[in-house]
PDB file of N, CA and C in Angstrom:
ATOM      1  N   MET A   1     138.292 151.671 110.530  1.00  0.00           N
ATOM      2  CA  MET A   1     137.046 151.043 110.098  1.00  0.00           C
ATOM      3  C   MET A   1     137.261 150.243 108.812  1.00  0.00           C
ATOM      4  N   LYS A   2     138.088 150.790 107.924  1.00  0.00           N
ATOM      5  CA  LYS A   2     138.346 150.106 106.658  1.00  0.00           C
ATOM      6  C   LYS A   2     139.081 148.796 106.904  1.00  0.00           C
ATOM      7  N   ARG A   3     140.035 148.810 107.838  1.00  0.00           N
ATOM      8  CA  ARG A   3     140.804 147.600 108.138  1.00  0.00           C
ATOM      9  C   ARG A   3     139.887 146.524 108.734  1.00  0.00           C
ATOM     10  N   ILE A   4     138.992 146.900 109.613  1.00  0.00           N
ATOM     11  CA  ILE A   4     138.049 145.939 110.210  1.00  0.00           C
ATOM     12  C   ILE A   4     137.157 145.340 109.134  1.00  0.00           C
ATOM     13  N   LEU A   5     136.721 146.149 108.181  1.00  0.00           N
ATOM     14  CA  LEU A   5     135.895 145.653 107.084  1.00  0.00           C
ATOM     15  C   LEU A   5     136.660 144.654 106.228  1.00  0.00           C
ATOM     16  N   PHE A   6     137.952 144.940 105.945  1.00  0.00           N
ATOM     17  CA  PHE A   6     138.772 144.020 105.153  1.00  0.00           C
ATOM     18  C   PHE A   6     138.983 142.695 105.891  1.00  0.00           C
ATOM     19  N   LEU A   7     139.263 142.781 107.194  1.00  0.00           N
ATOM     20  CA  LEU A   7     139.451 141.552 107.975  1.00  0.00           C
ATOM     21  C   LEU A   7     138.161 140.726 108.039  1.00  0.00           C
ATOM     22  N   PHE A   8     137.044 141.397 108.268  1.00  0.00           N
ATOM     23  CA  PHE A   8     135.757 140.703 108.296  1.00  0.00           C
ATOM     24  C   PHE A   8     135.490 140.019 106.961  1.00  0.00           C
ATOM     25  N   HIS A   9     135.749 140.718 105.863  1.00  0.00           N
ATOM     26  CA  HIS A   9     135.507 140.149 104.536  1.00  0.00           C
ATOM     27  C   HIS A   9     136.408 138.952 104.283  1.00  0.00           C
ATOM     28  N   ARG A  10     137.678 139.042 104.702  1.00  0.00           N
ATOM     29  CA  ARG A  10     138.617 137.941 104.491  1.00  0.00           C
ATOM     30  C   ARG A  10     138.161 136.695 105.250  1.00  0.00           C
ATOM     31  N   TRP A  11     137.805 136.833 106.525  1.00  0.00           N
ATOM     32  CA  TRP A  11     137.401 135.677 107.314  1.00  0.00           C
ATOM     33  C   TRP A  11     136.017 135.162 106.914  1.00  0.00           C
ATOM     34  N   LEU A  12     135.165 136.050 106.444  1.00  0.00           N
ATOM     35  CA  LEU A  12     133.878 135.612 105.922  1.00  0.00           C
ATOM     36  C   LEU A  12     134.088 134.732 104.693  1.00  0.00           C
ATOM     37  N   ARG A  13     135.042 135.089 103.834  1.00  0.00           N
ATOM     38  CA  ARG A  13     135.350 134.254 102.655  1.00  0.00           C
ATOM     39  C   ARG A  13     135.831 132.884 103.076  1.00  0.00           C
ATOM     40  N   VAL A  14     136.697 132.825 104.105  1.00  0.00           N
ATOM     41  CA  VAL A  14     137.220 131.536 104.566  1.00  0.00           C
ATOM     42  C   VAL A  14     136.088 130.663 105.098  1.00  0.00           C
ATOM     43  N   VAL A  15     135.232 131.241 105.929  1.00  0.00           N
ATOM     44  CA  VAL A  15     134.120 130.481 106.500  1.00  0.00           C
ATOM     45  C   VAL A  15     133.173 130.018 105.400  1.00  0.00           C
ATOM     46  N   MET A  16     132.826 130.881 104.474  1.00  0.00           N
ATOM     47  CA  MET A  16     131.919 130.510 103.384  1.00  0.00           C
ATOM     48  C   MET A  16     132.546 129.456 102.478  1.00  0.00           C
ATOM     49  N   CYS A  17     133.857 129.552 102.249  1.00  0.00           N
ATOM     50  CA  CYS A  17     134.543 128.546 101.431  1.00  0.00           C
ATOM     51  C   CYS A  17     134.450 127.172 102.098  1.00  0.00           C
ATOM     52  N   LEU A  18     134.690 127.133 103.410  1.00  0.00           N
ATOM     53  CA  LEU A  18     134.589 125.857 104.131  1.00  0.00           C
ATOM     54  C   LEU A  18     133.165 125.316 104.110  1.00  0.00           C
ATOM     55  N   PHE A  19     132.195 126.219 104.240  1.00  0.00           N
ATOM     56  CA  PHE A  19     130.793 125.797 104.191  1.00  0.00           C
ATOM     57  C   PHE A  19     130.442 125.190 102.838  1.00  0.00           C
ATOM     58  N   PHE A  20     130.827 125.855 101.745  1.00  0.00           N
ATOM     59  CA  PHE A  20     130.507 125.329 100.419  1.00  0.00           C
ATOM     60  C   PHE A  20     131.282 124.061 100.100  1.00  0.00           C
ATOM     61  N   ALA A  21     132.505 123.925 100.617  1.00  0.00           N
ATOM     62  CA  ALA A  21     133.259 122.680 100.415  1.00  0.00           C
ATOM     63  C   ALA A  21     132.564 121.527 101.129  1.00  0.00           C
ATOM     64  N   MET A  22     132.059 121.789 102.354  1.00  0.00           N
ATOM     65  CA  MET A  22     131.321 120.759 103.088  1.00  0.00           C
ATOM     66  C   MET A  22     130.032 120.399 102.345  1.00  0.00           C
ATOM     67  N   TRP A  23     129.352 121.402 101.817  1.00  0.00           N
ATOM     68  CA  TRP A  23     128.120 121.185 101.071  1.00  0.00           C
ATOM     69  C   TRP A  23     128.392 120.335  99.825  1.00  0.00           C
ATOM     70  N   PHE A  24     129.460 120.660  99.093  1.00  0.00           N
ATOM     71  CA  PHE A  24     129.837 119.915  97.891  1.00  0.00           C
ATOM     72  C   PHE A  24     130.180 118.472  98.252  1.00  0.00           C
ATOM     73  N   GLY A  25     130.968 118.296  99.321  1.00  0.00           N
ATOM     74  CA  GLY A  25     131.355 116.946  99.744  1.00  0.00           C
ATOM     75  C   GLY A  25     130.165 116.108 100.164  1.00  0.00           C
ATOM     76  N   SER A  26     129.221 116.705 100.880  1.00  0.00           N
ATOM     77  CA  SER A  26     128.046 115.940 101.288  1.00  0.00           C
ATOM     78  C   SER A  26     127.178 115.577 100.082  1.00  0.00           C
ATOM     79  N   GLY A  27     127.164 116.435  99.057  1.00  0.00           N
ATOM     80  CA  GLY A  27     126.428 116.114  97.835  1.00  0.00           C
ATOM     81  C   GLY A  27     127.038 114.924  97.115  1.00  0.00           C
ATOM     82  N   ILE A  28     128.365 114.862  97.075  1.00  0.00           N
ATOM     83  CA  ILE A  28     129.047 113.715  96.449  1.00  0.00           C
ATOM     84  C   ILE A  28     128.712 112.434  97.215  1.00  0.00           C
ATOM     85  N   VAL A  29     128.719 112.504  98.539  1.00  0.00           N
ATOM     86  CA  VAL A  29     128.390 111.329  99.352  1.00  0.00           C
ATOM     87  C   VAL A  29     126.952 110.895  99.099  1.00  0.00           C
ATOM     88  N   MET A  30     126.046 111.854  99.034  1.00  0.00           N
ATOM     89  CA  MET A  30     124.636 111.510  98.812  1.00  0.00           C
ATOM     90  C   MET A  30     124.412 110.880  97.440  1.00  0.00           C
ATOM     91  N   MET A  31     125.208 111.242  96.455  1.00  0.00           N
ATOM     92  CA  MET A  31     125.049 110.657  95.117  1.00  0.00           C
ATOM     93  C   MET A  31     125.630 109.256  95.035  1.00  0.00           C
ATOM     94  N   THR A  32     126.634 108.945  95.845  1.00  0.00           N
ATOM     95  CA  THR A  32     127.318 107.662  95.691  1.00  0.00           C
ATOM     96  C   THR A  32     126.877 106.606  96.697  1.00  0.00           C
ATOM     97  N   VAL A  33     126.432 106.995  97.878  1.00  0.00           N
ATOM     98  CA  VAL A  33     126.051 106.031  98.908  1.00  0.00           C
ATOM     99  C   VAL A  33     124.554 105.769  98.804  1.00  0.00           C
ATOM    100  N   GLU A  34     124.185 104.487  98.773  1.00  0.00           N
ATOM    101  CA  GLU A  34     122.767 104.142  98.665  1.00  0.00           C
ATOM    102  C   GLU A  34     122.090 104.301 100.020  1.00  0.00           C
ATOM    103  N   TYR A  35     120.835 104.653  99.980  1.00  0.00           N
ATOM    104  CA  TYR A  35     120.059 104.787 101.203  1.00  0.00           C
ATOM    105  C   TYR A  35     119.700 103.405 101.722  1.00  0.00           C
ATOM    106  N   PRO A  36     119.599 103.233 103.038  1.00  0.00           N
ATOM    107  CA  PRO A  36     119.224 101.920 103.565  1.00  0.00           C
ATOM    108  C   PRO A  36     117.770 101.599 103.212  1.00  0.00           C
ATOM    109  N   GLN A  37     117.524 100.346 102.943  1.00  0.00           N
ATOM    110  CA  GLN A  37     116.188  99.888 102.589  1.00  0.00           C
ATOM    111  C   GLN A  37     115.551  99.213 103.804  1.00  0.00           C
ATOM    112  N   LEU A  38     114.287  99.516 104.057  1.00  0.00           N
ATOM    113  CA  LEU A  38     113.558  98.862 105.137  1.00  0.00           C
ATOM    114  C   LEU A  38     112.867  97.614 104.606  1.00  0.00           C
ATOM    115  N   THR A  39     112.835  96.601 105.431  1.00  0.00           N
ATOM    116  CA  THR A  39     112.057  95.428 105.059  1.00  0.00           C
ATOM    117  C   THR A  39     110.581  95.754 105.276  1.00  0.00           C
ATOM    118  N   GLU A  40     109.718  94.911 104.763  1.00  0.00           N
ATOM    119  CA  GLU A  40     108.279  95.138 104.910  1.00  0.00           C
ATOM    120  C   GLU A  40     107.870  95.113 106.384  1.00  0.00           C
ATOM    121  N   GLN A  41     108.472  94.213 107.170  1.00  0.00           N
ATOM    122  CA  GLN A  41     108.142  94.130 108.589  1.00  0.00           C
ATOM    123  C   GLN A  41     108.607  95.386 109.332  1.00  0.00           C
ATOM    124  N   GLU A  42     109.791  95.920 109.010  1.00  0.00           N
ATOM    125  CA  GLU A  42     110.281  97.136 109.658  1.00  0.00           C
ATOM    126  C   GLU A  42     109.420  98.341 109.299  1.00  0.00           C
ATOM    127  N   ARG A  43     108.980  98.413 108.053  1.00  0.00           N
ATOM    128  CA  ARG A  43     108.146  99.528 107.615  1.00  0.00           C
ATOM    129  C   ARG A  43     106.787  99.495 108.314  1.00  0.00           C
ATOM    130  N   LEU A  44     106.190  98.302 108.401  1.00  0.00           N
ATOM    131  CA  LEU A  44     104.889  98.170 109.046  1.00  0.00           C
ATOM    132  C   LEU A  44     104.969  98.371 110.554  1.00  0.00           C
ATOM    133  N   ALA A  45     106.130  98.069 111.164  1.00  0.00           N
ATOM    134  CA  ALA A  45     106.268  98.222 112.618  1.00  0.00           C
ATOM    135  C   ALA A  45     106.198  99.689 113.025  1.00  0.00           C
ATOM    136  N   GLY A  46     106.568 100.601 112.135  1.00  0.00           N
ATOM    137  CA  GLY A  46     106.535 102.015 112.459  1.00  0.00           C
ATOM    138  C   GLY A  46     105.191 102.674 112.244  1.00  0.00           C
ATOM    139  N   LEU A  47     104.252 101.969 111.670  1.00  0.00           N
ATOM    140  CA  LEU A  47     102.930 102.542 111.410  1.00  0.00           C
ATOM    141  C   LEU A  47     102.042 102.450 112.642  1.00  0.00           C
ATOM    142  N   PRO A  48     101.102 103.375 112.787  1.00  0.00           N
ATOM    143  CA  PRO A  48     100.187 103.284 113.935  1.00  0.00           C
ATOM    144  C   PRO A  48      99.218 102.114 113.771  1.00  0.00           C
ATOM    145  N   VAL A  49      98.680 101.671 114.885  1.00  0.00           N
ATOM    146  CA  VAL A  49      97.726 100.559 114.878  1.00  0.00           C
ATOM    147  C   VAL A  49      96.434 101.020 114.200  1.00  0.00           C
ATOM    148  N   LEU A  50      95.931 100.190 113.295  1.00  0.00           N
ATOM    149  CA  LEU A  50      94.709 100.508 112.568  1.00  0.00           C
ATOM    150  C   LEU A  50      93.499 100.234 113.457  1.00  0.00           C
ATOM    151  N   GLN A  51      92.649 101.229 113.599  1.00  0.00           N
ATOM    152  CA  GLN A  51      91.464 101.092 114.449  1.00  0.00           C
ATOM    153  C   GLN A  51      90.306 100.578 113.600  1.00  0.00           C
ATOM    154  N   THR A  52      90.132  99.272 113.624  1.00  0.00           N
ATOM    155  CA  THR A  52      89.125  98.650 112.772  1.00  0.00           C
ATOM    156  C   THR A  52      87.701  98.919 113.243  1.00  0.00           C
ATOM    157  N   ASP A  53      87.530  99.350 114.483  1.00  0.00           N
ATOM    158  CA  ASP A  53      86.171  99.623 114.963  1.00  0.00           C
ATOM    159  C   ASP A  53      85.609 100.919 114.377  1.00  0.00           C
ATOM    160  N   LYS A  54      86.445 101.729 113.734  1.00  0.00           N
ATOM    161  CA  LYS A  54      85.980 102.981 113.139  1.00  0.00           C
ATOM    162  C   LYS A  54      85.702 102.859 111.640  1.00  0.00           C
ATOM    163  N   ILE A  55      85.815 101.660 111.083  1.00  0.00           N
ATOM    164  CA  ILE A  55      85.546 101.446 109.662  1.00  0.00           C
ATOM    165  C   ILE A  55      84.040 101.537 109.432  1.00  0.00           C
ATOM    166  N   LEU A  56      83.628 102.403 108.518  1.00  0.00           N
ATOM    167  CA  LEU A  56      82.207 102.630 108.266  1.00  0.00           C
ATOM    168  C   LEU A  56      81.688 101.921 107.020  1.00  0.00           C
ATOM    169  N   VAL A  57      82.583 101.633 106.063  1.00  0.00           N
ATOM    170  CA  VAL A  57      82.168 101.042 104.785  1.00  0.00           C
ATOM    171  C   VAL A  57      82.977  99.771 104.556  1.00  0.00           C
ATOM    172  N   SER A  58      82.310  98.704 104.145  1.00  0.00           N
ATOM    173  CA  SER A  58      83.022  97.465 103.857  1.00  0.00           C
ATOM    174  C   SER A  58      83.770  97.593 102.526  1.00  0.00           C
ATOM    175  N   ALA A  59      84.683  96.674 102.284  1.00  0.00           N
ATOM    176  CA  ALA A  59      85.463  96.700 101.045  1.00  0.00           C
ATOM    177  C   ALA A  59      84.562  96.514  99.828  1.00  0.00           C
ATOM    178  N   GLU A  60      83.561  95.655  99.940  1.00  0.00           N
ATOM    179  CA  GLU A  60      82.653  95.410  98.820  1.00  0.00           C
ATOM    180  C   GLU A  60      81.869  96.679  98.468  1.00  0.00           C
ATOM    181  N   LYS A  61      81.374  97.384  99.499  1.00  0.00           N
ATOM    182  CA  LYS A  61      80.629  98.613  99.252  1.00  0.00           C
ATOM    183  C   LYS A  61      81.523  99.691  98.651  1.00  0.00           C
ATOM    184  N   ALA A  62      82.761  99.746  99.097  1.00  0.00           N
ATOM    185  CA  ALA A  62      83.688 100.736  98.548  1.00  0.00           C
ATOM    186  C   ALA A  62      83.981 100.452  97.080  1.00  0.00           C
ATOM    187  N   LEU A  63      84.136  99.171  96.727  1.00  0.00           N
ATOM    188  CA  LEU A  63      84.369  98.813  95.323  1.00  0.00           C
ATOM    189  C   LEU A  63      83.140  99.143  94.466  1.00  0.00           C
ATOM    190  N   LEU A  64      81.959  98.825  94.960  1.00  0.00           N
ATOM    191  CA  LEU A  64      80.741  99.142  94.204  1.00  0.00           C
ATOM    192  C   LEU A  64      80.583 100.642  94.020  1.00  0.00           C
ATOM    193  N   LEU A  65      80.886 101.399  95.051  1.00  0.00           N
ATOM    194  CA  LEU A  65      80.797 102.854  94.958  1.00  0.00           C
ATOM    195  C   LEU A  65      81.813 103.394  93.954  1.00  0.00           C
ATOM    196  N   GLY A  66      83.022 102.856  93.976  1.00  0.00           N
ATOM    197  CA  GLY A  66      84.037 103.286  93.012  1.00  0.00           C
ATOM    198  C   GLY A  66      83.653 102.958  91.584  1.00  0.00           C
ATOM    199  N   GLN A  67      83.046 101.796  91.379  1.00  0.00           N
ATOM    200  CA  GLN A  67      82.605 101.422  90.037  1.00  0.00           C
ATOM    201  C   GLN A  67      81.445 102.293  89.578  1.00  0.00           C
ATOM    202  N   SER A  68      80.525 102.588  90.481  1.00  0.00           N
ATOM    203  CA  SER A  68      79.369 103.403  90.086  1.00  0.00           C
ATOM    204  C   SER A  68      79.777 104.847  89.784  1.00  0.00           C
ATOM    205  N   LEU A  69      80.818 105.336  90.429  1.00  0.00           N
ATOM    206  CA  LEU A  69      81.289 106.691  90.155  1.00  0.00           C
ATOM    207  C   LEU A  69      82.236 106.756  88.962  1.00  0.00           C
ATOM    208  N   GLY A  70      82.586 105.605  88.403  1.00  0.00           N
ATOM    209  CA  GLY A  70      83.466 105.577  87.237  1.00  0.00           C
ATOM    210  C   GLY A  70      84.929 105.752  87.577  1.00  0.00           C
ATOM    211  N   GLN A  71      85.307 105.542  88.832  1.00  0.00           N
ATOM    212  CA  GLN A  71      86.699 105.695  89.232  1.00  0.00           C
ATOM    213  C   GLN A  71      87.515 104.431  89.001  1.00  0.00           C
ATOM    214  N   LEU A  72      86.856 103.309  88.801  1.00  0.00           N
ATOM    215  CA  LEU A  72      87.535 102.046  88.542  1.00  0.00           C
ATOM    216  C   LEU A  72      87.289 101.673  87.094  1.00  0.00           C
ATOM    217  N   ASP A  73      88.353 101.671  86.300  1.00  0.00           N
ATOM    218  CA  ASP A  73      88.176 101.369  84.879  1.00  0.00           C
ATOM    219  C   ASP A  73      88.614  99.953  84.515  1.00  0.00           C
ATOM    220  N   GLY A  74      89.143  99.216  85.469  1.00  0.00           N
ATOM    221  CA  GLY A  74      89.574  97.856  85.191  1.00  0.00           C
ATOM    222  C   GLY A  74      89.373  96.982  86.415  1.00  0.00           C
ATOM    223  N   PRO A  75      89.850  95.754  86.352  1.00  0.00           N
ATOM    224  CA  PRO A  75      89.690  94.867  87.507  1.00  0.00           C
ATOM    225  C   PRO A  75      90.570  95.331  88.669  1.00  0.00           C
ATOM    226  N   VAL A  76      90.106  95.115  89.877  1.00  0.00           N
ATOM    227  CA  VAL A  76      90.858  95.489  91.069  1.00  0.00           C
ATOM    228  C   VAL A  76      91.872  94.393  91.355  1.00  0.00           C
ATOM    229  N   VAL A  77      93.147  94.772  91.398  1.00  0.00           N
ATOM    230  CA  VAL A  77      94.217  93.818  91.643  1.00  0.00           C
ATOM    231  C   VAL A  77      94.621  93.812  93.111  1.00  0.00           C
ATOM    232  N   GLU A  78      94.566  94.996  93.723  1.00  0.00           N
ATOM    233  CA  GLU A  78      95.016  95.101  95.109  1.00  0.00           C
ATOM    234  C   GLU A  78      94.161  96.125  95.840  1.00  0.00           C
ATOM    235  N   LEU A  79      93.871  95.854  97.085  1.00  0.00           N
ATOM    236  CA  LEU A  79      93.076  96.755  97.918  1.00  0.00           C
ATOM    237  C   LEU A  79      93.787  96.887  99.254  1.00  0.00           C
ATOM    238  N   LYS A  80      94.106  98.132  99.657  1.00  0.00           N
ATOM    239  CA  LYS A  80      94.816  98.360 100.911  1.00  0.00           C
ATOM    240  C   LYS A  80      93.963  99.199 101.838  1.00  0.00           C
ATOM    241  N   LEU A  81      94.007  98.836 103.104  1.00  0.00           N
ATOM    242  CA  LEU A  81      93.324  99.600 104.135  1.00  0.00           C
ATOM    243  C   LEU A  81      94.400 100.288 104.951  1.00  0.00           C
ATOM    244  N   THR A  82      94.307 101.594 105.086  1.00  0.00           N
ATOM    245  CA  THR A  82      95.298 102.364 105.829  1.00  0.00           C
ATOM    246  C   THR A  82      94.580 103.373 106.690  1.00  0.00           C
ATOM    247  N   SER A  83      95.323 104.201 107.389  1.00  0.00           N
ATOM    248  CA  SER A  83      94.699 105.253 108.184  1.00  0.00           C
ATOM    249  C   SER A  83      95.294 106.590 107.807  1.00  0.00           C
ATOM    250  N   ILE A  84      94.439 107.582 107.719  1.00  0.00           N
ATOM    251  CA  ILE A  84      94.839 108.953 107.439  1.00  0.00           C
ATOM    252  C   ILE A  84      94.259 109.808 108.542  1.00  0.00           C
ATOM    253  N   ALA A  85      95.104 110.530 109.244  1.00  0.00           N
ATOM    254  CA  ALA A  85      94.696 111.379 110.369  1.00  0.00           C
ATOM    255  C   ALA A  85      93.931 110.549 111.407  1.00  0.00           C
ATOM    256  N   ALA A  86      94.466 109.379 111.720  1.00  0.00           N
ATOM    257  CA  ALA A  86      93.903 108.469 112.728  1.00  0.00           C
ATOM    258  C   ALA A  86      92.523 107.958 112.372  1.00  0.00           C
ATOM    259  N   ARG A  87      92.160 107.991 111.071  1.00  0.00           N
ATOM    260  CA  ARG A  87      90.894 107.437 110.628  1.00  0.00           C
ATOM    261  C   ARG A  87      91.167 106.433 109.513  1.00  0.00           C
ATOM    262  N   PRO A  88      90.503 105.277 109.506  1.00  0.00           N
ATOM    263  CA  PRO A  88      90.711 104.298 108.437  1.00  0.00           C
ATOM    264  C   PRO A  88      90.341 104.886 107.074  1.00  0.00           C
ATOM    265  N   ALA A  89      91.126 104.554 106.080  1.00  0.00           N
ATOM    266  CA  ALA A  89      90.872 105.020 104.713  1.00  0.00           C
ATOM    267  C   ALA A  89      91.187 103.904 103.728  1.00  0.00           C
TER     268      ALA A  89
END
């Protein structure tokens, strides 16, 4: 039983050493290789189609509501319409 335990421990060390070496090597690769960048068209192509028939509030009403609630403290530079959980937001 003692010999089996020693053999198991020895081979477990070898396997764990190889695992940690692979982990270390992949970390070095992740630090040095840049991630691919998507163009704006590629990024938008992966998004679901926006269902404009479900829009309940116009952009003007949303801006007025934001101003009245004090959530807008300056001029609006950009306004984006997106969908969250298949609903326009």
